[in-house]
C-alpha atoms as a PDB file:
ATOM      1  CA  UNK A   1     -72.223   0.613  45.375  1.00  0.00           C
ATOM      2  CA  UNK A   2     -69.612  -0.502  47.914  1.00  0.00           C
ATOM      3  CA  UNK A   3     -67.939  -2.645  45.269  1.00  0.00           C
ATOM      4  CA  UNK A   4     -67.815   0.312  42.867  1.00  0.00           C
ATOM      5  CA  UNK A   5     -66.138   2.549  45.473  1.00  0.00           C
ATOM      6  CA  UNK A   6     -63.701  -0.235  46.430  1.00  0.00           C
ATOM      7  CA  UNK A   7     -62.596  -0.793  42.850  1.00  0.00           C
ATOM      8  CA  UNK A   8     -62.317   2.941  42.285  1.00  0.00           C
ATOM      9  CA  UNK A   9     -59.887   3.269  45.196  1.00  0.00           C
ATOM     10  CA  UNK A  10     -57.817   0.328  43.910  1.00  0.00           C
ATOM     11  CA  UNK A  11     -57.597   1.963  40.477  1.00  0.00           C
ATOM     12  CA  UNK A  12     -56.742   5.351  41.965  1.00  0.00           C
ATOM     13  CA  UNK A  13     -53.962   3.854  44.075  1.00  0.00           C
ATOM     14  CA  UNK A  14     -52.545   2.198  40.999  1.00  0.00           C
ATOM     15  CA  UNK A  15     -52.743   5.226  38.721  1.00  0.00           C
ATOM     16  CA  UNK A  16     -51.066   7.539  41.265  1.00  0.00           C
ATOM     17  CA  UNK A  17     -49.646   6.289  40.914  1.00  0.00           C
ATOM     18  CA  UNK A  18     -47.716   0.331  37.812  1.00  0.00           C
ATOM     19  CA  UNK A  19     -29.839  -3.778  36.638  1.00  0.00           C
ATOM     20  CA  UNK A  20     -26.853  -1.741  36.052  1.00  0.00           C
ATOM     21  CA  UNK A  21     -24.299  -0.216  38.399  1.00  0.00           C
ATOM     22  CA  UNK A  22     -23.318   3.343  37.511  1.00  0.00           C
ATOM     23  CA  UNK A  23     -20.370   4.887  39.364  1.00  0.00           C
ATOM     24  CA  UNK A  24     -19.843   8.576  40.004  1.00  0.00           C
ATOM     25  CA  UNK A  25     -16.484  10.158  39.384  1.00  0.00           C
ATOM     26  CA  UNK A  26     -15.336   9.494  42.970  1.00  0.00           C
ATOM     27  CA  UNK A  27     -16.074   5.783  42.629  1.00  0.00           C
ATOM     28  CA  UNK A  28     -19.168   5.882  44.855  1.00  0.00           C
ATOM     29  CA  UNK A  29     -22.357   4.521  43.402  1.00  0.00           C
ATOM     30  CA  UNK A  30     -24.746   7.300  42.406  1.00  0.00           C
ATOM     31  CA  UNK A  31     -28.205   6.010  43.423  1.00  0.00           C
ATOM     32  CA  UNK A  32     -30.064   8.203  40.921  1.00  0.00           C
ATOM     33  CA  UNK A  33     -28.023   7.051  37.945  1.00  0.00           C
ATOM     34  CA  UNK A  34     -27.962   3.446  39.171  1.00  0.00           C
ATOM     35  CA  UNK A  35     -31.746   3.274  39.512  1.00  0.00           C
ATOM     36  CA  UNK A  36     -32.321   5.080  36.227  1.00  0.00           C
ATOM     37  CA  UNK A  37     -30.062   2.627  34.386  1.00  0.00           C
ATOM     38  CA  UNK A  38     -31.766  -0.313  36.103  1.00  0.00           C
ATOM     39  CA  UNK A  39     -35.252   0.869  35.145  1.00  0.00           C
ATOM     40  CA  UNK A  40     -34.324   1.736  31.559  1.00  0.00           C
ATOM     41  CA  UNK A  41     -32.754  -1.685  31.074  1.00  0.00           C
ATOM     42  CA  UNK A  42     -35.802  -3.520  32.405  1.00  0.00           C
ATOM     43  CA  UNK A  43     -38.656  -4.477  30.077  1.00  0.00           C
ATOM     44  CA  UNK A  44     -40.862  -7.436  29.306  1.00  0.00           C
ATOM     45  CA  UNK A  45     -42.067  -7.716  32.912  1.00  0.00           C
ATOM     46  CA  UNK A  46     -44.331 -10.568  33.985  1.00  0.00           C
ATOM     47  CA  UNK A  47     -45.292 -10.933  37.642  1.00  0.00           C
ATOM     48  CA  UNK A  48     -47.980 -11.726  40.159  1.00  0.00           C
ATOM     49  CA  UNK A  49     -48.821  -9.082  42.739  1.00  0.00           C
ATOM     50  CA  UNK A  50     -50.578  -8.494  46.012  1.00  0.00           C
ATOM     51  CA  UNK A  51     -51.658  -4.976  46.919  1.00  0.00           C
ATOM     52  CA  UNK A  52     -52.492  -3.703  50.381  1.00  0.00           C
ATOM     53  CA  UNK A  53     -53.576  -0.200  51.369  1.00  0.00           C
ATOM     54  CA  UNK A  54     -53.357   0.987  54.978  1.00  0.00           C
ATOM     55  CA  UNK A  55     -54.584   4.246  56.465  1.00  0.00           C
ATOM     56  CA  UNK A  56     -52.612   6.649  58.661  1.00  0.00           C
ATOM     57  CA  UNK A  57     -53.438   4.549  61.718  1.00  0.00           C
ATOM     58  CA  UNK A  58     -52.016   1.403  60.116  1.00  0.00           C
ATOM     59  CA  UNK A  59     -55.348  -0.331  59.532  1.00  0.00           C
ATOM     60  CA  UNK A  60     -55.782  -2.302  56.290  1.00  0.00           C
ATOM     61  CA  UNK A  61     -58.553  -0.710  54.237  1.00  0.00           C
ATOM     62  CA  UNK A  62     -58.057  -2.476  50.884  1.00  0.00           C
ATOM     63  CA  UNK A  63     -56.489  -5.672  49.553  1.00  0.00           C
ATOM     64  CA  UNK A  64     -56.207  -7.112  46.066  1.00  0.00           C
ATOM     65  CA  UNK A  65     -54.163  -9.598  44.063  1.00  0.00           C
ATOM     66  CA  UNK A  66     -53.574 -10.340  40.395  1.00  0.00           C
ATOM     67  CA  UNK A  67     -51.050 -10.213  37.559  1.00  0.00           C
ATOM     68  CA  UNK A  68     -48.872  -7.562  35.890  1.00  0.00           C
ATOM     69  CA  UNK A  69     -47.498  -7.435  32.344  1.00  0.00           C
ATOM     70  CA  UNK A  70     -45.302  -4.599  31.017  1.00  0.00           C
ATOM     71  CA  UNK A  71     -43.992  -4.114  27.494  1.00  0.00           C
ATOM     72  CA  UNK A  72     -42.967  -0.458  27.451  1.00  0.00           C
ATOM     73  CA  UNK A  73     -44.926   1.748  27.222  1.00  0.00           C
ATOM     74  CA  UNK A  74     -47.834  -0.684  27.547  1.00  0.00           C
ATOM     75  CA  UNK A  75     -48.965  -2.407  30.693  1.00  0.00           C
ATOM     76  CA  UNK A  76     -51.755  -4.690  31.814  1.00  0.00           C
ATOM     77  CA  UNK A  77     -52.747  -4.791  35.482  1.00  0.00           C
ATOM     78  CA  UNK A  78     -55.334  -7.509  36.099  1.00  0.00           C
ATOM     79  CA  UNK A  79     -57.021  -7.827  39.479  1.00  0.00           C
ATOM     80  CA  UNK A  80     -58.280 -11.354  40.101  1.00  0.00           C
ATOM     81  CA  UNK A  81     -59.397 -10.996  43.714  1.00  0.00           C
ATOM     82  CA  UNK A  82     -61.569  -9.714  45.378  1.00  0.00           C
ATOM     83  CA  UNK A  83     -63.320  -8.374  42.241  1.00  0.00           C
ATOM     84  CA  UNK A  84     -62.176  -8.891  38.632  1.00  0.00           C
ATOM     85  CA  UNK A  85     -60.791  -5.776  36.982  1.00  0.00           C
ATOM     86  CA  UNK A  86     -58.396  -5.119  34.090  1.00  0.00           C
ATOM     87  CA  UNK A  87     -56.421  -1.903  33.682  1.00  0.00           C
ATOM     88  CA  UNK A  88     -54.690  -1.304  30.347  1.00  0.00           C
ATOM     89  CA  UNK A  89     -52.466   1.589  29.292  1.00  0.00           C
ATOM     90  CA  UNK A  90     -50.370   2.461  26.255  1.00  0.00           C
ATOM     91  CA  UNK A  91     -48.573   5.542  27.564  1.00  0.00           C
ATOM     92  CA  UNK A  92     -51.368   7.927  26.593  1.00  0.00           C
ATOM     93  CA  UNK A  93     -54.689   6.225  27.238  1.00  0.00           C
ATOM     94  CA  UNK A  94     -55.857   4.316  30.301  1.00  0.00           C
ATOM     95  CA  UNK A  95     -58.783   1.861  30.279  1.00  0.00           C
ATOM     96  CA  UNK A  96     -60.319   0.391  33.425  1.00  0.00           C
ATOM     97  CA  UNK A  97     -62.609  -2.559  32.691  1.00  0.00           C
ATOM     98  CA  UNK A  98     -64.967  -3.831  35.379  1.00  0.00           C
ATOM     99  CA  UNK A  99     -66.610  -7.027  34.050  1.00  0.00           C
ATOM    100  CA  UNK A 100     -69.046  -7.289  36.959  1.00  0.00           C
ATOM    101  CA  UNK A 101     -70.277  -3.754  36.302  1.00  0.00           C
ATOM    102  CA  UNK A 102     -70.195  -4.169  32.501  1.00  0.00           C
ATOM    103  CA  UNK A 103     -68.342  -0.864  32.334  1.00  0.00           C
ATOM    104  CA  UNK A 104     -65.148   0.583  30.861  1.00  0.00           C
ATOM    105  CA  UNK A 105     -63.727   3.855  32.180  1.00  0.00           C
ATOM    106  CA  UNK A 106     -61.242   5.636  29.911  1.00  0.00           C
ATOM    107  CA  UNK A 107     -58.795   8.283  31.099  1.00  0.00           C
ATOM    108  CA  UNK A 108     -55.951  10.308  29.677  1.00  0.00           C
ATOM    109  CA  UNK A 109     -52.804   8.975  31.322  1.00  0.00           C
ATOM    110  CA  UNK A 110     -50.548  11.616  32.830  1.00  0.00           C
ATOM    111  CA  UNK A 111     -47.110  10.101  32.402  1.00  0.00           C
ATOM    112  CA  UNK A 112     -45.391  12.620  34.681  1.00  0.00           C
ATOM    113  CA  UNK A 113     -43.270  10.677  37.152  1.00  0.00           C
ATOM    114  CA  UNK A 114     -44.258  12.866  40.086  1.00  0.00           C
ATOM    115  CA  UNK A 115     -47.940  12.214  39.357  1.00  0.00           C
ATOM    116  CA  UNK A 116     -47.949   8.527  38.372  1.00  0.00           C
ATOM    117  CA  UNK A 117     -45.349   6.292  40.071  1.00  0.00           C
ATOM    118  CA  UNK A 118     -46.190   3.372  37.799  1.00  0.00           C
ATOM    119  CA  UNK A 119     -44.586   5.323  34.955  1.00  0.00           C
ATOM    120  CA  UNK A 120     -41.247   4.369  36.529  1.00  0.00           C
ATOM    121  CA  UNK A 121     -41.813   0.876  35.121  1.00  0.00           C
ATOM    122  CA  UNK A 122     -43.357   1.818  31.791  1.00  0.00           C
ATOM    123  CA  UNK A 123     -41.422   4.819  30.455  1.00  0.00           C
ATOM    124  CA  UNK A 124     -38.727   4.119  27.889  1.00  0.00           C
ATOM    125  CA  UNK A 125     -37.116   7.517  28.558  1.00  0.00           C
ATOM    126  CA  UNK A 126     -36.428   8.711  32.100  1.00  0.00           C
ATOM    127  CA  UNK A 127     -35.099  11.879  33.714  1.00  0.00           C
ATOM    128  CA  UNK A 128     -35.134  10.495  37.227  1.00  0.00           C
ATOM    129  CA  UNK A 129     -32.925  13.163  38.752  1.00  0.00           C
ATOM    130  CA  UNK A 130     -35.097  15.929  37.333  1.00  0.00           C
ATOM    131  CA  UNK A 131     -38.137  14.616  39.187  1.00  0.00           C
ATOM    132  CA  UNK A 132     -36.787  12.998  42.353  1.00  0.00           C
ATOM    133  CA  UNK A 133     -34.191  13.086  45.045  1.00  0.00           C
ATOM    134  CA  UNK A 134     -33.033   9.465  45.288  1.00  0.00           C
ATOM    135  CA  UNK A 135     -31.473   7.725  48.287  1.00  0.00           C
ATOM    136  CA  UNK A 136     -30.287   4.128  48.517  1.00  0.00           C
ATOM    137  CA  UNK A 137     -30.388   1.879  51.565  1.00  0.00           C
ATOM    138  CA  UNK A 138     -28.341  -1.189  50.659  1.00  0.00           C
ATOM    139  CA  UNK A 139     -28.421  -4.124  53.043  1.00  0.00           C
ATOM    140  CA  UNK A 140     -29.537  -7.609  51.957  1.00  0.00           C
ATOM    141  CA  UNK A 141     -31.923  -5.830  49.586  1.00  0.00           C
ATOM    142  CA  UNK A 142     -31.556  -2.548  47.731  1.00  0.00           C
ATOM    143  CA  UNK A 143     -34.190  -0.022  48.773  1.00  0.00           C
ATOM    144  CA  UNK A 144     -34.396   3.115  46.638  1.00  0.00           C
ATOM    145  CA  UNK A 145     -36.303   5.992  48.245  1.00  0.00           C
ATOM    146  CA  UNK A 146     -37.631   8.611  45.814  1.00  0.00           C
ATOM    147  CA  UNK A 147     -38.892  11.982  47.058  1.00  0.00           C
ATOM    148  CA  UNK A 148     -40.531  14.240  44.457  1.00  0.00           C
ATOM    149  CA  UNK A 149     -38.923  17.595  43.796  1.00  0.00           C
ATOM    150  CA  UNK A 150     -42.264  19.104  42.793  1.00  0.00           C
ATOM    151  CA  UNK A 151     -44.424  20.581  45.531  1.00  0.00           C
ATOM    152  CA  UNK A 152     -47.474  19.529  43.501  1.00  0.00           C
ATOM    153  CA  UNK A 153     -46.651  15.810  43.549  1.00  0.00           C
ATOM    154  CA  UNK A 154     -49.544  13.578  44.582  1.00  0.00           C
ATOM    155  CA  UNK A 155     -47.434  11.548  46.989  1.00  0.00           C
ATOM    156  CA  UNK A 156     -44.768  12.085  49.632  1.00  0.00           C
ATOM    157  CA  UNK A 157     -42.355   9.382  48.522  1.00  0.00           C
ATOM    158  CA  UNK A 158     -42.021   6.138  46.580  1.00  0.00           C
ATOM    159  CA  UNK A 159     -39.851   3.190  47.556  1.00  0.00           C
ATOM    160  CA  UNK A 160     -38.649   0.416  45.251  1.00  0.00           C
ATOM    161  CA  UNK A 161     -37.076  -2.661  46.806  1.00  0.00           C
ATOM    162  CA  UNK A 162     -34.901  -4.958  44.692  1.00  0.00           C
ATOM    163  CA  UNK A 163     -33.247  -8.267  45.407  1.00  0.00           C
ATOM    164  CA  UNK A 164     -30.608  -8.590  42.725  1.00  0.00           C
ATOM    165  CA  UNK A 165     -32.384  -7.856  39.439  1.00  0.00           C
ATOM    166  CA  UNK A 166     -35.844  -8.639  40.793  1.00  0.00           C
ATOM    167  CA  UNK A 167     -38.280  -5.967  41.912  1.00  0.00           C
ATOM    168  CA  UNK A 168     -39.799  -7.197  45.169  1.00  0.00           C
ATOM    169  CA  UNK A 169     -41.887  -4.280  46.396  1.00  0.00           C
ATOM    170  CA  UNK A 170     -43.276  -0.922  45.329  1.00  0.00           C
ATOM    171  CA  UNK A 171     -44.453   1.357  48.162  1.00  0.00           C
ATOM    172  CA  UNK A 172     -46.341   4.615  47.728  1.00  0.00           C
ATOM    173  CA  UNK A 173     -46.724   6.973  50.695  1.00  0.00           C
ATOM    174  CA  UNK A 174     -49.216   9.793  50.256  1.00  0.00           C
ATOM    175  CA  UNK A 175     -49.475  13.077  52.130  1.00  0.00           C
ATOM    176  CA  UNK A 176     -52.336  11.884  54.348  1.00  0.00           C
ATOM    177  CA  UNK A 177     -50.306   8.998  55.806  1.00  0.00           C
ATOM    178  CA  UNK A 178     -51.965   6.355  53.644  1.00  0.00           C
ATOM    179  CA  UNK A 179     -49.581   3.698  52.326  1.00  0.00           C
ATOM    180  CA  UNK A 180     -49.983   1.420  49.320  1.00  0.00           C
ATOM    181  CA  UNK A 181     -47.729  -1.654  49.314  1.00  0.00           C
ATOM    182  CA  UNK A 182     -47.459  -3.750  46.145  1.00  0.00           C
ATOM    183  CA  UNK A 183     -45.482  -6.979  46.490  1.00  0.00           C
ATOM    184  CA  UNK A 184     -44.381  -8.935  43.426  1.00  0.00           C
ATOM    185  CA  UNK A 185     -43.860 -12.691  43.167  1.00  0.00           C
ATOM    186  CA  UNK A 186     -42.764 -14.900  40.264  1.00  0.00           C
ATOM    187  CA  UNK A 187     -41.219 -11.707  38.866  1.00  0.00           C
ATOM    188  CA  UNK A 188     -39.543 -12.097  35.461  1.00  0.00           C
ATOM    189  CA  UNK A 189     -38.057  -9.503  33.101  1.00  0.00           C
ATOM    190  CA  UNK A 190     -36.929  -9.761  29.496  1.00  0.00           C
ATOM    191  CA  UNK A 191     -39.987 -11.791  28.513  1.00  0.00           C
ATOM    192  CA  UNK A 192     -41.630 -11.665  25.093  1.00  0.00           C
ATOM    193  CA  UNK A 193     -45.227 -10.547  25.620  1.00  0.00           C
ATOM    194  CA  UNK A 194     -47.752 -10.841  22.808  1.00  0.00           C
ATOM    195  CA  UNK A 195     -49.342  -7.526  21.825  1.00  0.00           C
ATOM    196  CA  UNK A 196     -52.819  -9.091  21.959  1.00  0.00           C
ATOM    197  CA  UNK A 197     -52.521  -9.167  25.754  1.00  0.00           C
ATOM    198  CA  UNK A 198     -52.800  -5.364  25.784  1.00  0.00           C
ATOM    199  CA  UNK A 199     -56.018  -5.336  23.750  1.00  0.00           C
ATOM    200  CA  UNK A 200     -59.534  -6.192  24.870  1.00  0.00           C
ATOM    201  CA  UNK A 201     -62.799  -6.751  23.050  1.00  0.00           C
ATOM    202  CA  UNK A 202     -65.634  -5.739  25.317  1.00  0.00           C
ATOM    203  CA  UNK A 203     -68.958  -7.603  25.272  1.00  0.00           C
ATOM    204  CA  UNK A 204     -71.941  -5.916  23.584  1.00  0.00           C
ATOM    205  CA  UNK A 205     -73.756  -3.636  25.972  1.00  0.00           C
ATOM    206  CA  UNK A 206     -70.632  -2.596  27.885  1.00  0.00           C
ATOM    207  CA  UNK A 207     -70.921   1.031  28.997  1.00  0.00           C
ATOM    208  CA  UNK A 208     -68.052   3.349  28.043  1.00  0.00           C
ATOM    209  CA  UNK A 209     -67.449   6.118  30.584  1.00  0.00           C
ATOM    210  CA  UNK A 210     -64.996   8.966  30.118  1.00  0.00           C
ATOM    211  CA  UNK A 211     -63.197   9.541  33.411  1.00  0.00           C
END
């Protein structure tokens, strides 16, 4: 039972939840347009990830690691440790496969940016400014801070940290003070990803649960 609850929280964190310079008329970089152009131009993502969730007091309550593949609008999020799990989405449908539990949970994927931060990486059409206020902190890295305009958003803010063209970190801060930090390594974009990677054949006897 503990394993089921643990995996459910990992999936929930993920769901709520996954370069081009654009200049404004005064010659100052517009962070909203710059980030939108960067995200729209990025596809064919292959990366490893580590995910850590901390509570409001800063204590680590969850950890996981695995691989990410994105070919818009499809993505595959595969947890390798501590428990195997594969999450697939095609822009409309979400499938969460837990091999140890012999169970698949299917959900309708809400692609709204202020409800599912991962849609920032998977949507082929973005209206970033319509959903977020965007700030940029540019030092050695570029840290974009996105605050939802909607009062009904499921999180307080999202942060994306880039080094050059590479996405290093995705941070999700929720209203309770909980923080999800996803760090990417061996990040590559522009890769050709075979469509078969986004399809799974489940073993006989696998339970299908509608979430």
